Amino acid sequence: MSEAVSVVVLSGKGGTAKTLWQHTLAGEASRAGISTLLLDVDPERNLSNRFHVPAHSSGLGTVLEAAGVTANEGDAEAGAKAVADEIRSTPWAHVDLLPAGASLNGVSQVAVPDTWLLRDILTIAGIYSRYDLVLLDTGGRTGSLATLTMYAADVAYAPITPTTDAVLKAREARSRVERIQRAHPLRWAGVVLTGFDLRTSVDTVIRDAAFEEFGDEIRAEVPRRVTVHEAFQLTERLGDRTDVISTGLAEIFREFLRRDLMGVANSKDGVIR
């Protein structure tokens, strides 16, 4: 097996559909038989909650504590030894989850000087050779934890939803990637639009601003549809729904995953205008 493609979704605020995208992409990876690890790096544990992981459970926070981050240490080998005990299966074939864990919120408050620590932990634990795809879900904060996550990833993208500061936050995410690229070849895969209703003037203005700012960096667009959020809330794979709307929307997620994140050629245009 070749080394996994690891993907981080970025935005310096909550409520921008980061978890929805990683969750839905994992569902389409599952349907395609792609071995996938979902890694919840959000102290709010949104991704873990989707898979009904109890709030008091251990997880990534435990791994980083084992690596000594709360004691101002960075023992990647000790952290790697803890990884296997924290990975759990999901109801979806080919998809595992490393949940955030109850202690990740405390860990997120610690400054970690070794920006490569999380990547080293995952490398030593064999994660990049065990899976084809690693999807890292971040929270709405910046800081050491977000930086660790970016260094653990190969590809980054940002979502834009119809909120007033969405374009600004996506621009900031792109700038963070550009700064990281000075030391780590993190590839910028562009932005994705989610939940715009062109019957609403505010949505139209924000969408126009996104196209003005990002142009062809907008790699996929999913309009506002109830079925997307229903599948997310019910922890269903969108593509398993048999109605025409759901299967069409699932194709957009799948093509973005294959073409822009995993680099599979000859995919269709994922933008719906």
Protein backbone atom coordinates (compact mmCIF):
# COMPACT_ATOMS: atom_id res chain seq x y z
CA MET A 1 0.00 0.00 0.00
CA SER A 2 1.25 3.48 -0.80
CA GLU A 3 1.36 6.14 1.88
CA ALA A 4 -1.98 7.66 2.83
CA VAL A 5 -3.14 11.05 1.65
CA SER A 6 -3.83 13.10 4.78
CA VAL A 7 -6.29 15.97 4.50
CA VAL A 8 -6.99 18.82 6.93
CA VAL A 9 -10.03 21.09 6.74
CA LEU A 10 -9.41 24.60 8.04
CA SER A 11 -11.37 27.60 9.25
CA GLY A 12 -10.73 29.89 12.18
CA LYS A 13 -14.31 29.67 13.42
CA GLY A 14 -16.99 27.14 14.20
CA GLY A 15 -20.11 26.46 12.19
CA THR A 16 -18.49 26.50 8.76
CA ALA A 17 -19.35 22.89 7.79
CA LYS A 18 -15.84 21.54 8.38
CA THR A 19 -17.10 18.44 10.14
CA LEU A 20 -19.92 17.99 7.64
CA TRP A 21 -17.40 17.89 4.79
CA GLN A 22 -14.97 15.47 6.45
CA HIS A 23 -17.87 13.29 7.60
CA THR A 24 -19.47 13.19 4.15
CA LEU A 25 -16.15 12.63 2.40
CA ALA A 26 -15.51 9.68 4.71
CA GLY A 27 -18.90 8.27 3.76
CA GLU A 28 -18.05 8.45 0.07
CA ALA A 29 -14.60 6.98 0.72
CA SER A 30 -16.32 4.13 2.54
CA ARG A 31 -18.63 3.51 -0.40
CA ALA A 32 -15.61 3.46 -2.73
CA GLY A 33 -13.72 0.96 -0.57
CA ILE A 34 -11.02 3.47 0.42
CA SER A 35 -9.43 2.61 3.77
CA THR A 36 -9.95 5.77 5.85
CA LEU A 37 -9.13 7.11 9.29
CA LEU A 38 -11.18 10.00 10.64
CA LEU A 39 -9.14 11.92 13.18
CA ASP A 40 -11.04 14.34 15.43
CA VAL A 41 -8.72 17.22 16.34
CA ASP A 42 -11.56 19.44 17.52
CA PRO A 43 -11.77 20.00 21.31
CA GLU A 44 -15.53 20.41 20.82
CA ARG A 45 -15.56 16.75 19.65
CA ASN A 46 -18.11 17.37 16.89
CA LEU A 47 -16.95 14.49 14.72
CA SER A 48 -16.77 12.14 17.70
CA ASN A 49 -20.29 13.14 18.66
CA ARG A 50 -21.55 12.18 15.21
CA PHE A 51 -20.40 8.62 15.88
CA HIS A 52 -21.84 8.66 19.41
CA VAL A 53 -18.51 8.49 21.24
CA PRO A 54 -19.22 9.29 24.92
CA ALA A 55 -17.91 12.68 26.08
CA HIS A 56 -15.82 11.10 28.84
CA SER A 57 -13.98 8.72 26.48
CA SER A 58 -10.28 8.82 25.80
CA GLY A 59 -8.86 9.58 22.37
CA LEU A 60 -6.38 11.92 20.72
CA GLY A 61 -6.04 13.92 23.94
CA THR A 62 -4.85 10.75 25.66
CA VAL A 63 -2.35 10.11 22.86
CA LEU A 64 -0.88 13.60 23.17
CA GLU A 65 -0.77 13.33 26.95
CA ALA A 66 1.13 10.05 26.57
CA ALA A 67 3.57 11.95 24.36
CA GLY A 68 4.14 14.33 27.26
CA VAL A 69 2.75 17.56 25.85
CA THR A 70 1.19 18.62 29.16
CA ALA A 71 4.60 18.21 30.78
CA ASN A 72 6.35 20.29 28.10
CA GLU A 73 7.81 17.16 26.57
CA GLY A 74 7.48 15.59 23.14
CA ASP A 75 7.93 11.83 23.11
CA ALA A 76 6.51 10.69 19.77
CA GLU A 77 7.25 7.01 20.43
CA ALA A 78 5.27 7.06 23.68
CA GLY A 79 2.41 8.77 21.90
CA ALA A 80 2.50 6.22 19.08
CA LYS A 81 2.18 3.35 21.54
CA ALA A 82 -1.11 4.83 22.74
CA VAL A 83 -2.63 5.23 19.26
CA ALA A 84 -3.75 1.63 18.69
CA ASP A 85 -5.84 1.61 21.88
CA GLU A 86 -7.69 4.78 20.84
CA ILE A 87 -8.72 3.89 17.28
CA ARG A 88 -12.21 2.45 17.03
CA SER A 89 -14.27 1.11 14.19
CA THR A 90 -17.35 2.90 12.84
CA PRO A 91 -20.57 1.50 11.34
CA TRP A 92 -19.15 2.34 7.92
CA ALA A 93 -17.03 -0.22 6.10
CA HIS A 94 -13.35 0.72 5.70
CA VAL A 95 -13.66 3.75 8.06
CA ASP A 96 -12.11 3.98 11.53
CA LEU A 97 -12.19 6.86 14.00
CA LEU A 98 -9.62 8.30 16.37
CA PRO A 99 -11.91 10.43 18.58
CA ALA A 100 -10.92 13.66 20.24
CA GLY A 101 -11.20 12.39 23.79
CA ALA A 102 -12.26 14.23 26.90
CA SER A 103 -8.80 15.61 27.62
CA LEU A 104 -8.21 17.25 24.23
CA ASN A 105 -9.65 20.55 25.40
CA GLY A 106 -6.98 20.80 28.10
CA VAL A 107 -4.26 19.71 25.69
CA SER A 108 -5.36 22.42 23.25
CA GLN A 109 -4.38 25.07 25.82
CA VAL A 110 -0.75 23.91 25.86
CA ALA A 111 1.92 25.42 23.62
CA VAL A 112 3.70 22.59 21.79
CA PRO A 113 7.08 23.69 20.39
CA ASP A 114 7.60 20.59 18.22
CA THR A 115 5.31 21.26 15.26
CA TRP A 116 6.04 17.81 13.81
CA LEU A 117 4.97 15.90 16.91
CA LEU A 118 1.56 14.70 15.72
CA ARG A 119 2.92 13.67 12.32
CA ASP A 120 5.77 11.80 14.02
CA ILE A 121 3.29 10.01 16.30
CA LEU A 122 1.11 8.95 13.37
CA THR A 123 4.16 7.89 11.33
CA ILE A 124 5.64 5.74 14.09
CA ALA A 125 2.20 4.22 14.75
CA GLY A 126 2.02 3.20 11.09
CA ILE A 127 -1.11 5.23 10.36
CA TYR A 128 0.11 6.58 7.02
CA SER A 129 0.92 3.09 5.76
CA ARG A 130 -2.18 1.43 7.23
CA TYR A 131 -4.75 3.69 5.55
CA ASP A 132 -5.28 5.16 2.10
CA LEU A 133 -6.84 8.34 3.46
CA VAL A 134 -6.60 10.26 6.73
CA LEU A 135 -9.18 13.01 7.27
CA LEU A 136 -8.31 15.46 10.06
CA ASP A 137 -11.19 17.52 11.41
CA THR A 138 -10.20 20.76 13.15
CA GLY A 139 -12.14 23.09 15.39
CA GLY A 140 -12.70 26.81 15.22
CA ARG A 141 -9.53 27.73 17.08
CA THR A 142 -6.00 28.45 16.01
CA GLY A 143 -2.94 27.68 18.12
CA SER A 144 -0.54 24.78 18.68
CA LEU A 145 -3.12 22.07 18.13
CA ALA A 146 -4.14 23.50 14.76
CA THR A 147 -0.48 23.84 13.78
CA LEU A 148 0.25 20.24 14.75
CA THR A 149 -2.66 19.17 12.58
CA MET A 150 -1.44 21.13 9.56
CA TYR A 151 2.01 19.55 9.82
CA ALA A 152 0.35 16.12 10.01
CA ALA A 153 -1.49 16.75 6.73
CA ASP A 154 -0.48 16.73 3.06
CA VAL A 155 -3.49 18.62 1.69
CA ALA A 156 -5.63 21.46 3.07
CA TYR A 157 -8.91 23.02 2.04
CA ALA A 158 -11.42 25.43 3.57
CA PRO A 159 -15.22 25.57 3.49
CA ILE A 160 -17.30 28.69 2.93
CA THR A 161 -20.88 28.89 4.18
CA PRO A 162 -23.28 31.85 3.89
CA THR A 163 -22.09 33.79 6.94
CA THR A 164 -20.80 37.35 6.87
CA ASP A 165 -17.17 36.56 7.71
CA ALA A 166 -16.91 33.26 5.82
CA VAL A 167 -14.81 34.61 2.97
CA LEU A 168 -12.45 36.33 5.42
CA LYS A 169 -11.98 33.12 7.40
CA ALA A 170 -11.26 31.12 4.25
CA ARG A 171 -8.72 33.75 3.18
CA GLU A 172 -7.07 33.46 6.59
CA ALA A 173 -6.97 29.67 6.22
CA ARG A 174 -5.21 30.02 2.88
CA SER A 175 -2.69 32.41 4.43
CA ARG A 176 -2.01 29.92 7.22
CA VAL A 177 -1.26 27.26 4.64
CA GLU A 178 1.06 29.62 2.77
CA ARG A 179 2.99 30.29 5.97
CA ILE A 180 3.26 26.58 6.74
CA GLN A 181 4.54 25.92 3.21
CA ARG A 182 7.81 27.63 4.13
CA ALA A 183 8.65 24.58 6.23
CA HIS A 184 6.23 21.87 5.14
CA PRO A 185 4.88 21.12 1.62
CA LEU A 186 1.21 21.34 2.59
CA ARG A 187 -0.78 21.55 -0.64
CA TRP A 188 -3.64 24.04 -0.85
CA ALA A 189 -6.63 22.36 -2.53
CA GLY A 190 -8.86 25.43 -2.57
CA VAL A 191 -12.27 26.11 -1.07
CA VAL A 192 -15.69 24.51 -1.17
CA LEU A 193 -19.06 26.25 -0.92
CA THR A 194 -21.85 24.78 1.14
CA GLY A 195 -25.46 25.67 1.87
CA PHE A 196 -26.02 28.72 -0.33
CA ASP A 197 -29.61 29.48 -1.35
CA LEU A 198 -29.57 31.77 -4.38
CA ARG A 199 -33.14 32.83 -3.66
CA THR A 200 -31.70 34.74 -0.67
CA SER A 201 -29.99 38.02 -1.49
CA VAL A 202 -27.51 37.83 1.39
CA ASP A 203 -26.40 34.36 0.26
CA THR A 204 -25.95 35.63 -3.28
CA VAL A 205 -23.77 38.54 -2.13
CA ILE A 206 -21.53 36.29 -0.04
CA ARG A 207 -21.26 33.74 -2.85
CA ASP A 208 -20.31 36.47 -5.33
CA ALA A 209 -17.65 37.70 -2.91
CA ALA A 210 -16.29 34.15 -2.64
CA PHE A 211 -15.98 33.84 -6.41
CA GLU A 212 -14.32 37.26 -6.62
CA GLU A 213 -11.78 36.31 -3.95
CA PHE A 214 -11.06 32.70 -4.93
CA GLY A 215 -12.08 32.28 -8.57
CA ASP A 216 -11.06 28.87 -9.83
CA GLU A 217 -9.85 27.94 -6.34
CA ILE A 218 -13.51 27.13 -5.67
CA ARG A 219 -13.38 23.43 -6.34
CA ALA A 220 -16.88 22.25 -5.41
CA GLU A 221 -20.23 23.71 -4.51
CA VAL A 222 -23.08 22.01 -2.68
CA PRO A 223 -26.30 24.06 -2.61
CA ARG A 224 -28.57 24.20 0.41
CA ARG A 225 -30.37 20.88 0.61
CA VAL A 226 -32.04 19.31 3.63
CA THR A 227 -30.85 15.83 2.71
CA VAL A 228 -27.18 16.73 3.25
CA HIS A 229 -27.78 17.85 6.82
CA GLU A 230 -30.15 14.96 7.53
CA ALA A 231 -27.51 12.44 6.51
CA PHE A 232 -24.95 14.28 8.65
CA GLN A 233 -27.17 14.40 11.74
CA LEU A 234 -28.17 10.75 11.37
CA THR A 235 -24.59 9.58 10.68
CA GLU A 236 -25.64 8.20 7.32
CA ARG A 237 -23.61 7.98 4.13
CA LEU A 238 -25.17 10.52 1.80
CA GLY A 239 -24.67 8.30 -1.24
CA ASP A 240 -26.70 5.51 0.35
CA ARG A 241 -29.83 7.59 -0.02
CA THR A 242 -31.66 6.55 -3.16
CA ASP A 243 -33.33 9.81 -4.18
CA VAL A 244 -31.93 11.66 -7.18
CA ILE A 245 -30.95 14.77 -5.21
CA SER A 246 -28.91 12.83 -2.65
CA THR A 247 -27.08 10.73 -5.21
CA GLY A 248 -26.25 13.84 -7.25
CA LEU A 249 -24.92 15.69 -4.22
CA ALA A 250 -22.90 12.66 -3.11
CA GLU A 251 -21.20 12.71 -6.50
CA ILE A 252 -19.98 16.27 -5.84
CA PHE A 253 -18.34 15.21 -2.57
CA ARG A 254 -16.88 12.10 -4.21
CA GLU A 255 -15.39 14.01 -7.15
CA PHE A 256 -13.82 16.62 -4.86
CA LEU A 257 -12.32 13.81 -2.80
CA ARG A 258 -10.91 11.96 -5.79
CA ARG A 259 -9.81 14.88 -7.97
CA ASP A 260 -8.69 17.60 -5.58
CA LEU A 261 -7.70 15.74 -2.44
CA MET A 262 -6.48 12.34 -3.60
CA GLY A 263 -5.28 13.56 -7.00
CA VAL A 264 -7.19 11.10 -9.18
CA ALA A 265 -7.21 12.39 -12.74
CA ASN A 266 -10.07 12.60 -15.23
CA SER A 267 -12.73 13.57 -12.72
CA LYS A 268 -15.67 15.77 -13.57
CA ASP A 269 -16.15 19.40 -12.65
CA GLY A 270 -17.51 19.41 -9.11
CA VAL A 271 -19.00 22.91 -9.24
CA ILE A 272 -22.74 23.40 -9.55
CA ARG A 273 -23.54 26.92 -10.65
